Amino acid sequence: ILTGNFVVEYVFNIPGIGRSFVTSIGNRDYPVIMGT
């Protein structure tokens, strides 16, 4: 809960690490995926 639900942050357009993780999957941004 402290890292935030990834999809919830994406739905509400919250600039947290959850949204970064979701967008990094589509962008194949491997360092972001591994870091989160």
Full PDB file with SEQRES, HELIX, SHEET, SSBOND, CRYST1, ORIGX, SCALE, CONECT and MASTER records, all heavy atoms in Angstrom:
SEQRES   1 A   36  ILE LEU THR GLY ASN PHE VAL VAL GLU TYR VAL PHE ASN          
SEQRES   2 A   36  ILE PRO GLY ILE GLY ARG SER PHE VAL THR SER ILE GLY          
SEQRES   3 A   36  ASN ARG ASP TYR PRO VAL ILE MET GLY THR                      
HELIX    1 AA1 PHE A    6  VAL A   11  1                                   6    
HELIX    2 AA2 ILE A   17  ASN A   27  1                                  11    
HELIX    3 AA3 TYR A   30  GLY A   35  1                                   6    
CRYST1    1.000    1.000    1.000  90.00  90.00  90.00 P 1           1          
ORIGX1      1.000000  0.000000  0.000000        0.00000                         
ORIGX2      0.000000  1.000000  0.000000        0.00000                         
ORIGX3      0.000000  0.000000  1.000000        0.00000                         
SCALE1      1.000000  0.000000  0.000000        0.00000                         
SCALE2      0.000000  1.000000  0.000000        0.00000                         
SCALE3      0.000000  0.000000  1.000000        0.00000                         
ATOM      1  N   ILE A   1       0.813  -1.214   0.000  1.00  0.00           N  
ATOM      2  CA  ILE A   1       0.000   0.000   0.000  1.00  0.00           C  
ATOM      3  C   ILE A   1       0.847   1.264   0.000  1.00  0.00           C  
ATOM      4  O   ILE A   1       0.432   2.299  -0.505  1.00  0.00           O  
ATOM      5  CB  ILE A   1      -0.978  -0.022   1.199  1.00  0.00           C  
ATOM      6  CG1 ILE A   1      -2.257   0.750   0.867  1.00  0.00           C  
ATOM      7  CG2 ILE A   1      -0.314   0.506   2.464  1.00  0.00           C  
ATOM      8  CD1 ILE A   1      -3.387   0.520   1.833  1.00  0.00           C  
ATOM      9  N   LEU A   2       2.066   1.199   0.550  1.00  0.00           N  
ATOM     10  CA  LEU A   2       2.917   2.379   0.572  1.00  0.00           C  
ATOM     11  C   LEU A   2       3.521   2.668  -0.794  1.00  0.00           C  
ATOM     12  O   LEU A   2       3.837   3.813  -1.117  1.00  0.00           O  
ATOM     13  CB  LEU A   2       4.021   2.234   1.619  1.00  0.00           C  
ATOM     14  CG  LEU A   2       3.578   2.364   3.073  1.00  0.00           C  
ATOM     15  CD1 LEU A   2       4.761   2.217   4.006  1.00  0.00           C  
ATOM     16  CD2 LEU A   2       2.905   3.720   3.315  1.00  0.00           C  
ATOM     17  N   THR A   3       3.736   1.650  -1.583  1.00  0.00           N  
ATOM     18  CA  THR A   3       4.231   1.895  -2.937  1.00  0.00           C  
ATOM     19  C   THR A   3       3.106   2.311  -3.875  1.00  0.00           C  
ATOM     20  O   THR A   3       3.367   2.770  -4.987  1.00  0.00           O  
ATOM     21  CB  THR A   3       4.902   0.631  -3.504  1.00  0.00           C  
ATOM     22  OG1 THR A   3       4.004  -0.474  -3.399  1.00  0.00           O  
ATOM     23  CG2 THR A   3       6.172   0.321  -2.748  1.00  0.00           C  
ATOM     24  N   GLY A   4       1.878   2.160  -3.408  1.00  0.00           N  
ATOM     25  CA  GLY A   4       0.754   2.559  -4.240  1.00  0.00           C  
ATOM     26  C   GLY A   4       0.367   1.477  -5.223  1.00  0.00           C  
ATOM     27  O   GLY A   4       1.212   0.797  -5.776  1.00  0.00           O  
ATOM     28  N   ASN A   5      -0.919   1.312  -5.395  1.00  0.00           N  
ATOM     29  CA  ASN A   5      -1.374   0.355  -6.389  1.00  0.00           C  
ATOM     30  C   ASN A   5      -1.060   0.905  -7.771  1.00  0.00           C  
ATOM     31  O   ASN A   5      -1.464   2.009  -8.122  1.00  0.00           O  
ATOM     32  CB  ASN A   5      -2.878   0.115  -6.232  1.00  0.00           C  
ATOM     33  CG  ASN A   5      -3.400  -0.932  -7.172  1.00  0.00           C  
ATOM     34  OD1 ASN A   5      -3.524  -0.685  -8.363  1.00  0.00           O  
ATOM     35  ND2 ASN A   5      -3.705  -2.094  -6.663  1.00  0.00           N  
ATOM     36  N   PHE A   6      -0.325   0.117  -8.564  1.00  0.00           N  
ATOM     37  CA  PHE A   6       0.155   0.607  -9.849  1.00  0.00           C  
ATOM     38  C   PHE A   6      -0.993   1.046 -10.754  1.00  0.00           C  
ATOM     39  O   PHE A   6      -0.943   2.120 -11.359  1.00  0.00           O  
ATOM     40  CB  PHE A   6       0.982  -0.474 -10.537  1.00  0.00           C  
ATOM     41  CG  PHE A   6       2.224  -0.850  -9.778  1.00  0.00           C  
ATOM     42  CD1 PHE A   6       2.831  -2.077  -9.964  1.00  0.00           C  
ATOM     43  CD2 PHE A   6       2.780   0.027  -8.869  1.00  0.00           C  
ATOM     44  CE1 PHE A   6       3.983  -2.415  -9.268  1.00  0.00           C  
ATOM     45  CE2 PHE A   6       3.929  -0.286  -8.166  1.00  0.00           C  
ATOM     46  CZ  PHE A   6       4.542  -1.525  -8.372  1.00  0.00           C  
ATOM     47  N   VAL A   7      -2.019   0.228 -10.841  1.00  0.00           N  
ATOM     48  CA  VAL A   7      -3.116   0.537 -11.758  1.00  0.00           C  
ATOM     49  C   VAL A   7      -3.936   1.713 -11.256  1.00  0.00           C  
ATOM     50  O   VAL A   7      -4.394   2.549 -12.043  1.00  0.00           O  
ATOM     51  CB  VAL A   7      -3.999  -0.709 -11.966  1.00  0.00           C  
ATOM     52  CG1 VAL A   7      -5.142  -0.405 -12.921  1.00  0.00           C  
ATOM     53  CG2 VAL A   7      -3.174  -1.877 -12.487  1.00  0.00           C  
ATOM     54  N   VAL A   8      -4.142   1.806  -9.937  1.00  0.00           N  
ATOM     55  CA  VAL A   8      -4.912   2.918  -9.378  1.00  0.00           C  
ATOM     56  C   VAL A   8      -4.230   4.240  -9.686  1.00  0.00           C  
ATOM     57  O   VAL A   8      -4.886   5.217 -10.073  1.00  0.00           O  
ATOM     58  CB  VAL A   8      -5.100   2.731  -7.860  1.00  0.00           C  
ATOM     59  CG1 VAL A   8      -5.647   4.011  -7.225  1.00  0.00           C  
ATOM     60  CG2 VAL A   8      -6.041   1.575  -7.577  1.00  0.00           C  
ATOM     61  N   GLU A   9      -2.915   4.287  -9.531  1.00  0.00           N  
ATOM     62  CA  GLU A   9      -2.200   5.517  -9.854  1.00  0.00           C  
ATOM     63  C   GLU A   9      -2.329   5.850 -11.342  1.00  0.00           C  
ATOM     64  O   GLU A   9      -2.442   7.026 -11.715  1.00  0.00           O  
ATOM     65  CB  GLU A   9      -0.722   5.375  -9.485  1.00  0.00           C  
ATOM     66  CG  GLU A   9      -0.461   5.401  -7.994  1.00  0.00           C  
ATOM     67  CD  GLU A   9       1.019   5.484  -7.663  1.00  0.00           C  
ATOM     68  OE1 GLU A   9       1.826   5.631  -8.602  1.00  0.00           O  
ATOM     69  OE2 GLU A   9       1.352   5.393  -6.479  1.00  0.00           O  
ATOM     70  N   TYR A  10      -2.327   4.841 -12.162  1.00  0.00           N  
ATOM     71  CA  TYR A  10      -2.448   5.065 -13.603  1.00  0.00           C  
ATOM     72  C   TYR A  10      -3.845   5.580 -13.950  1.00  0.00           C  
ATOM     73  O   TYR A  10      -3.984   6.493 -14.775  1.00  0.00           O  
ATOM     74  CB  TYR A  10      -2.157   3.773 -14.351  1.00  0.00           C  
ATOM     75  CG  TYR A  10      -2.046   3.931 -15.846  1.00  0.00           C  
ATOM     76  CD1 TYR A  10      -0.889   4.444 -16.429  1.00  0.00           C  
ATOM     77  CD2 TYR A  10      -3.094   3.580 -16.677  1.00  0.00           C  
ATOM     78  CE1 TYR A  10      -0.777   4.596 -17.800  1.00  0.00           C  
ATOM     79  CE2 TYR A  10      -3.003   3.726 -18.056  1.00  0.00           C  
ATOM     80  CZ  TYR A  10      -1.843   4.235 -18.613  1.00  0.00           C  
ATOM     81  OH  TYR A  10      -1.749   4.389 -19.977  1.00  0.00           O  
ATOM     82  N   VAL A  11      -4.891   5.008 -13.308  1.00  0.00           N  
ATOM     83  CA  VAL A  11      -6.268   5.426 -13.594  1.00  0.00           C  
ATOM     84  C   VAL A  11      -6.482   6.887 -13.219  1.00  0.00           C  
ATOM     85  O   VAL A  11      -7.101   7.655 -13.973  1.00  0.00           O  
ATOM     86  CB  VAL A  11      -7.267   4.520 -12.839  1.00  0.00           C  
ATOM     87  CG1 VAL A  11      -8.683   5.100 -12.917  1.00  0.00           C  
ATOM     88  CG2 VAL A  11      -7.249   3.112 -13.416  1.00  0.00           C  
ATOM     89  N   PHE A  12      -5.959   7.299 -12.061  1.00  0.00           N  
ATOM     90  CA  PHE A  12      -6.172   8.670 -11.591  1.00  0.00           C  
ATOM     91  C   PHE A  12      -5.058   9.624 -12.014  1.00  0.00           C  
ATOM     92  O   PHE A  12      -5.034  10.770 -11.563  1.00  0.00           O  
ATOM     93  CB  PHE A  12      -6.303   8.670 -10.064  1.00  0.00           C  
ATOM     94  CG  PHE A  12      -7.590   8.069  -9.568  1.00  0.00           C  
ATOM     95  CD1 PHE A  12      -7.616   6.781  -9.077  1.00  0.00           C  
ATOM     96  CD2 PHE A  12      -8.771   8.788  -9.608  1.00  0.00           C  
ATOM     97  CE1 PHE A  12      -8.791   6.212  -8.612  1.00  0.00           C  
ATOM     98  CE2 PHE A  12      -9.954   8.237  -9.149  1.00  0.00           C  
ATOM     99  CZ  PHE A  12      -9.968   6.943  -8.663  1.00  0.00           C  
ATOM    100  N   ASN A  13      -4.139   9.141 -12.852  1.00  0.00           N  
ATOM    101  CA  ASN A  13      -3.061   9.969 -13.381  1.00  0.00           C  
ATOM    102  C   ASN A  13      -2.252  10.612 -12.255  1.00  0.00           C  
ATOM    103  O   ASN A  13      -1.965  11.822 -12.268  1.00  0.00           O  
ATOM    104  CB  ASN A  13      -3.618  11.056 -14.308  1.00  0.00           C  
ATOM    105  CG  ASN A  13      -2.543  11.680 -15.185  1.00  0.00           C  
ATOM    106  OD1 ASN A  13      -1.571  11.025 -15.552  1.00  0.00           O  
ATOM    107  ND2 ASN A  13      -2.701  12.950 -15.517  1.00  0.00           N  
ATOM    108  N   ILE A  14      -1.889   9.789 -11.278  1.00  0.00           N  
ATOM    109  CA  ILE A  14      -1.078  10.261 -10.157  1.00  0.00           C  
ATOM    110  C   ILE A  14       0.388  10.042 -10.502  1.00  0.00           C  
ATOM    111  O   ILE A  14       0.789   8.931 -10.854  1.00  0.00           O  
ATOM    112  CB  ILE A  14      -1.443   9.497  -8.874  1.00  0.00           C  
ATOM    113  CG1 ILE A  14      -2.910   9.762  -8.517  1.00  0.00           C  
ATOM    114  CG2 ILE A  14      -0.534   9.897  -7.715  1.00  0.00           C  
ATOM    115  CD1 ILE A  14      -3.414   8.930  -7.363  1.00  0.00           C  
ATOM    116  N   PRO A  15       1.217  11.068 -10.402  1.00  0.00           N  
ATOM    117  CA  PRO A  15       2.628  10.937 -10.799  1.00  0.00           C  
ATOM    118  C   PRO A  15       3.476  10.216  -9.747  1.00  0.00           C  
ATOM    119  O   PRO A  15       4.481  10.742  -9.276  1.00  0.00           O  
ATOM    120  CB  PRO A  15       3.073  12.396 -10.972  1.00  0.00           C  
ATOM    121  CG  PRO A  15       2.213  13.154 -10.016  1.00  0.00           C  
ATOM    122  CD  PRO A  15       0.881  12.453 -10.023  1.00  0.00           C  
ATOM    123  N   GLY A  16       3.072   8.994  -9.401  1.00  0.00           N  
ATOM    124  CA  GLY A  16       3.825   8.189  -8.452  1.00  0.00           C  
ATOM    125  C   GLY A  16       4.647   7.129  -9.159  1.00  0.00           C  
ATOM    126  O   GLY A  16       4.670   7.047 -10.392  1.00  0.00           O  
ATOM    127  N   ILE A  17       5.297   6.287  -8.362  1.00  0.00           N  
ATOM    128  CA  ILE A  17       6.124   5.254  -8.974  1.00  0.00           C  
ATOM    129  C   ILE A  17       5.263   4.174  -9.626  1.00  0.00           C  
ATOM    130  O   ILE A  17       5.729   3.457 -10.507  1.00  0.00           O  
ATOM    131  CB  ILE A  17       7.076   4.622  -7.940  1.00  0.00           C  
ATOM    132  CG1 ILE A  17       6.282   4.015  -6.779  1.00  0.00           C  
ATOM    133  CG2 ILE A  17       8.083   5.632  -7.449  1.00  0.00           C  
ATOM    134  CD1 ILE A  17       7.151   3.243  -5.812  1.00  0.00           C  
ATOM    135  N   GLY A  18       4.017   4.053  -9.198  1.00  0.00           N  
ATOM    136  CA  GLY A  18       3.127   3.074  -9.820  1.00  0.00           C  
ATOM    137  C   GLY A  18       2.863   3.399 -11.270  1.00  0.00           C  
ATOM    138  O   GLY A  18       2.925   2.532 -12.142  1.00  0.00           O  
ATOM    139  N   ARG A  19       2.592   4.670 -11.549  1.00  0.00           N  
ATOM    140  CA  ARG A  19       2.354   5.066 -12.938  1.00  0.00           C  
ATOM    141  C   ARG A  19       3.614   4.908 -13.766  1.00  0.00           C  
ATOM    142  O   ARG A  19       3.559   4.496 -14.932  1.00  0.00           O  
ATOM    143  CB  ARG A  19       1.852   6.509 -12.993  1.00  0.00           C  
ATOM    144  CG  ARG A  19       1.327   6.917 -14.362  1.00  0.00           C  
ATOM    145  CD  ARG A  19       0.920   8.354 -14.403  1.00  0.00           C  
ATOM    146  NE  ARG A  19       2.061   9.254 -14.301  1.00  0.00           N  
ATOM    147  CZ  ARG A  19       1.993  10.580 -14.473  1.00  0.00           C  
ATOM    148  NH1 ARG A  19       0.827  11.144 -14.716  1.00  0.00           N  
ATOM    149  NH2 ARG A  19       3.074  11.329 -14.373  1.00  0.00           N  
ATOM    150  N   SER A  20       4.761   5.224 -13.169  1.00  0.00           N  
ATOM    151  CA  SER A  20       6.024   5.047 -13.897  1.00  0.00           C  
ATOM    152  C   SER A  20       6.242   3.587 -14.251  1.00  0.00           C  
ATOM    153  O   SER A  20       6.722   3.262 -15.340  1.00  0.00           O  
ATOM    154  CB  SER A  20       7.193   5.558 -13.045  1.00  0.00           C  
ATOM    155  OG  SER A  20       7.065   6.935 -12.779  1.00  0.00           O  
ATOM    156  N   PHE A  21       5.863   2.689 -13.320  1.00  0.00           N  
ATOM    157  CA  PHE A  21       6.031   1.259 -13.574  1.00  0.00           C  
ATOM    158  C   PHE A  21       5.138   0.793 -14.722  1.00  0.00           C  
ATOM    159  O   PHE A  21       5.581   0.054 -15.614  1.00  0.00           O  
ATOM    160  CB  PHE A  21       5.710   0.466 -12.307  1.00  0.00           C  
ATOM    161  CG  PHE A  21       5.807  -1.020 -12.478  1.00  0.00           C  
ATOM    162  CD1 PHE A  21       7.033  -1.672 -12.436  1.00  0.00           C  
ATOM    163  CD2 PHE A  21       4.663  -1.793 -12.684  1.00  0.00           C  
ATOM    164  CE1 PHE A  21       7.126  -3.038 -12.591  1.00  0.00           C  
ATOM    165  CE2 PHE A  21       4.741  -3.163 -12.845  1.00  0.00           C  
ATOM    166  CZ  PHE A  21       5.981  -3.785 -12.802  1.00  0.00           C  
ATOM    167  N   VAL A  22       3.875   1.228 -14.718  1.00  0.00           N  
ATOM    168  CA  VAL A  22       2.942   0.809 -15.770  1.00  0.00           C  
ATOM    169  C   VAL A  22       3.394   1.323 -17.127  1.00  0.00           C  
ATOM    170  O   VAL A  22       3.411   0.579 -18.121  1.00  0.00           O  
ATOM    171  CB  VAL A  22       1.515   1.298 -15.445  1.00  0.00           C  
ATOM    172  CG1 VAL A  22       0.566   0.997 -16.607  1.00  0.00           C  
ATOM    173  CG2 VAL A  22       0.998   0.620 -14.179  1.00  0.00           C  
ATOM    174  N   THR A  23       3.762   2.590 -17.208  1.00  0.00           N  
ATOM    175  CA  THR A  23       4.186   3.140 -18.499  1.00  0.00           C  
ATOM    176  C   THR A  23       5.508   2.522 -18.962  1.00  0.00           C  
ATOM    177  O   THR A  23       5.739   2.386 -20.160  1.00  0.00           O  
ATOM    178  CB  THR A  23       4.335   4.664 -18.402  1.00  0.00           C  
ATOM    179  OG1 THR A  23       5.235   4.995 -17.326  1.00  0.00           O  
ATOM    180  CG2 THR A  23       2.991   5.320 -18.150  1.00  0.00           C  
ATOM    181  N   SER A  24       6.360   2.145 -18.017  1.00  0.00           N  
ATOM    182  CA  SER A  24       7.651   1.561 -18.393  1.00  0.00           C  
ATOM    183  C   SER A  24       7.481   0.188 -19.040  1.00  0.00           C  
ATOM    184  O   SER A  24       8.311  -0.227 -19.858  1.00  0.00           O  
ATOM    185  CB  SER A  24       8.560   1.441 -17.166  1.00  0.00           C  
ATOM    186  OG  SER A  24       8.049   0.499 -16.238  1.00  0.00           O  
ATOM    187  N   ILE A  25       6.412  -0.522 -18.684  1.00  0.00           N  
ATOM    188  CA  ILE A  25       6.170  -1.833 -19.304  1.00  0.00           C  
ATOM    189  C   ILE A  25       5.877  -1.665 -20.787  1.00  0.00           C  
ATOM    190  O   ILE A  25       6.436  -2.362 -21.644  1.00  0.00           O  
ATOM    191  CB  ILE A  25       5.019  -2.561 -18.589  1.00  0.00           C  
ATOM    192  CG1 ILE A  25       5.407  -2.890 -17.147  1.00  0.00           C  
ATOM    193  CG2 ILE A  25       4.648  -3.839 -19.333  1.00  0.00           C  
ATOM    194  CD1 ILE A  25       4.295  -3.501 -16.335  1.00  0.00           C  
ATOM    195  N   GLY A  26       4.980  -0.730 -21.112  1.00  0.00           N  
ATOM    196  CA  GLY A  26       4.671  -0.494 -22.520  1.00  0.00           C  
ATOM    197  C   GLY A  26       5.836   0.083 -23.284  1.00  0.00           C  
ATOM    198  O   GLY A  26       5.989  -0.177 -24.482  1.00  0.00           O  
ATOM    199  N   ASN A  27       6.686   0.861 -22.611  1.00  0.00           N  
ATOM    200  CA  ASN A  27       7.831   1.481 -23.269  1.00  0.00           C  
ATOM    201  C   ASN A  27       9.083   0.606 -23.274  1.00  0.00           C  
ATOM    202  O   ASN A  27      10.109   1.013 -23.817  1.00  0.00           O  
ATOM    203  CB  ASN A  27       8.171   2.809 -22.574  1.00  0.00           C  
ATOM    204  CG  ASN A  27       7.102   3.855 -22.760  1.00  0.00           C  
ATOM    205  OD1 ASN A  27       6.357   3.833 -23.736  1.00  0.00           O  
ATOM    206  ND2 ASN A  27       6.997   4.772 -21.812  1.00  0.00           N  
ATOM    207  N   ARG A  28       8.989  -0.557 -22.621  1.00  0.00           N  
ATOM    208  CA  ARG A  28      10.148  -1.445 -22.472  1.00  0.00           C  
ATOM    209  C   ARG A  28      11.323  -0.729 -21.811  1.00  0.00           C  
ATOM    210  O   ARG A  28      12.488  -0.900 -22.197  1.00  0.00           O  
ATOM    211  CB  ARG A  28      10.582  -2.010 -23.829  1.00  0.00           C  
ATOM    212  CG  ARG A  28       9.610  -3.004 -24.422  1.00  0.00           C  
ATOM    213  CD  ARG A  28      10.250  -3.775 -25.545  1.00  0.00           C  
ATOM    214  NE  ARG A  28       9.373  -4.811 -26.065  1.00  0.00           N  
ATOM    215  CZ  ARG A  28       9.767  -5.772 -26.894  1.00  0.00           C  
ATOM    216  NH1 ARG A  28      11.030  -5.813 -27.303  1.00  0.00           N  
ATOM    217  NH2 ARG A  28       8.930  -6.685 -27.328  1.00  0.00           N  
ATOM    218  N   ASP A  29      10.988   0.083 -20.844  1.00  0.00           N  
ATOM    219  CA  ASP A  29      12.020   0.803 -20.093  1.00  0.00           C  
ATOM    220  C   ASP A  29      12.494  -0.116 -18.971  1.00  0.00           C  
ATOM    221  O   ASP A  29      12.082  -0.001 -17.811  1.00  0.00           O  
ATOM    222  CB  ASP A  29      11.441   2.110 -19.535  1.00  0.00           C  
ATOM    223  CG  ASP A  29      12.535   3.094 -19.170  1.00  0.00           C  
ATOM    224  OD1 ASP A  29      13.695   2.658 -19.030  1.00  0.00           O  
ATOM    225  OD2 ASP A  29      12.228   4.294 -19.036  1.00  0.00           O  
ATOM    226  N   TYR A  30      13.393  -1.027 -19.305  1.00  0.00           N  
ATOM    227  CA  TYR A  30      13.803  -2.083 -18.383  1.00  0.00           C  
ATOM    228  C   TYR A  30      14.388  -1.568 -17.069  1.00  0.00           C  
ATOM    229  O   TYR A  30      14.080  -2.124 -16.006  1.00  0.00           O  
ATOM    230  CB  TYR A  30      14.802  -3.016 -19.072  1.00  0.00           C  
ATOM    231  CG  TYR A  30      14.260  -3.730 -20.291  1.00  0.00           C  
ATOM    232  CD1 TYR A  30      15.101  -4.183 -21.303  1.00  0.00           C  
ATOM    233  CD2 TYR A  30      12.887  -3.936 -20.441  1.00  0.00           C  
ATOM    234  CE1 TYR A  30      14.600  -4.837 -22.428  1.00  0.00           C  
ATOM    235  CE2 TYR A  30      12.384  -4.582 -21.557  1.00  0.00           C  
ATOM    236  CZ  TYR A  30      13.238  -5.027 -22.550  1.00  0.00           C  
ATOM    237  OH  TYR A  30      12.731  -5.665 -23.659  1.00  0.00           O  
ATOM    238  N   PRO A  31      15.231  -0.540 -17.066  1.00  0.00           N  
ATOM    239  CA  PRO A  31      15.755  -0.064 -15.782  1.00  0.00           C  
ATOM    240  C   PRO A  31      14.667   0.402 -14.825  1.00  0.00           C  
ATOM    241  O   PRO A  31      14.777   0.196 -13.605  1.00  0.00           O  
ATOM    242  CB  PRO A  31      16.680   1.094 -16.190  1.00  0.00           C  
ATOM    243  CG  PRO A  31      17.102   0.771 -17.576  1.00  0.00           C  
ATOM    244  CD  PRO A  31      15.898   0.140 -18.202  1.00  0.00           C  
ATOM    245  N   VAL A  32      13.605   1.027 -15.333  1.00  0.00           N  
ATOM    246  CA  VAL A  32      12.511   1.471 -14.464  1.00  0.00           C  
ATOM    247  C   VAL A  32      11.756   0.264 -13.904  1.00  0.00           C  
ATOM    248  O   VAL A  32      11.397   0.230 -12.717  1.00  0.00           O  
ATOM    249  CB  VAL A  32      11.550   2.403 -15.234  1.00  0.00           C  
ATOM    250  CG1 VAL A  32      10.369   2.799 -14.356  1.00  0.00           C  
ATOM    251  CG2 VAL A  32      12.288   3.639 -15.709  1.00  0.00           C  
ATOM    252  N   ILE A  33      11.514  -0.734 -14.755  1.00  0.00           N  
ATOM    253  CA  ILE A  33      10.834  -1.948 -14.291  1.00  0.00           C  
ATOM    254  C   ILE A  33      11.638  -2.619 -13.184  1.00  0.00           C  
ATOM    255  O   ILE A  33      11.102  -2.994 -12.136  1.00  0.00           O  
ATOM    256  CB  ILE A  33      10.616  -2.928 -15.460  1.00  0.00           C  
ATOM    257  CG1 ILE A  33       9.707  -2.305 -16.528  1.00  0.00           C  
ATOM    258  CG2 ILE A  33      10.019  -4.238 -14.962  1.00  0.00           C  
ATOM    259  CD1 ILE A  33       9.561  -3.158 -17.768  1.00  0.00           C  
ATOM    260  N   MET A  34      12.937  -2.769 -13.408  1.00  0.00           N  
ATOM    261  CA  MET A  34      13.780  -3.437 -12.421  1.00  0.00           C  
ATOM    262  C   MET A  34      13.917  -2.600 -11.157  1.00  0.00           C  
ATOM    263  O   MET A  34      13.890  -3.131 -10.038  1.00  0.00           O  
ATOM    264  CB  MET A  34      15.153  -3.741 -13.028  1.00  0.00           C  
ATOM    265  CG  MET A  34      15.108  -4.830 -14.086  1.00  0.00           C  
ATOM    266  SD  MET A  34      16.733  -5.347 -14.702  1.00  0.00           S  
ATOM    267  CE  MET A  34      17.161  -3.944 -15.725  1.00  0.00           C  
ATOM    268  N   GLY A  35      14.039  -1.287 -11.295  1.00  0.00           N  
ATOM    269  CA  GLY A  35      14.195  -0.427 -10.125  1.00  0.00           C  
ATOM    270  C   GLY A  35      12.973  -0.455  -9.220  1.00  0.00           C  
ATOM    271  O   GLY A  35      13.106  -0.580  -7.995  1.00  0.00           O  
ATOM    272  N   THR A  36      11.779  -0.348  -9.798  1.00  0.00           N  
ATOM    273  CA  THR A  36      10.568  -0.368  -8.983  1.00  0.00           C  
ATOM    274  C   THR A  36      10.318  -1.754  -8.393  1.00  0.00           C  
ATOM    275  O   THR A  36       9.823  -1.866  -7.266  1.00  0.00           O  
ATOM    276  CB  THR A  36       9.363   0.065  -9.831  1.00  0.00           C  
ATOM    277  OG1 THR A  36       9.314  -0.706 -11.052  1.00  0.00           O  
ATOM    278  CG2 THR A  36       9.437   1.540 -10.189  1.00  0.00           C  
TER     279      THR A  36                                                      
MASTER        0    0    0    3    0    0    0    6  278    1    0    3          
END                                                                             
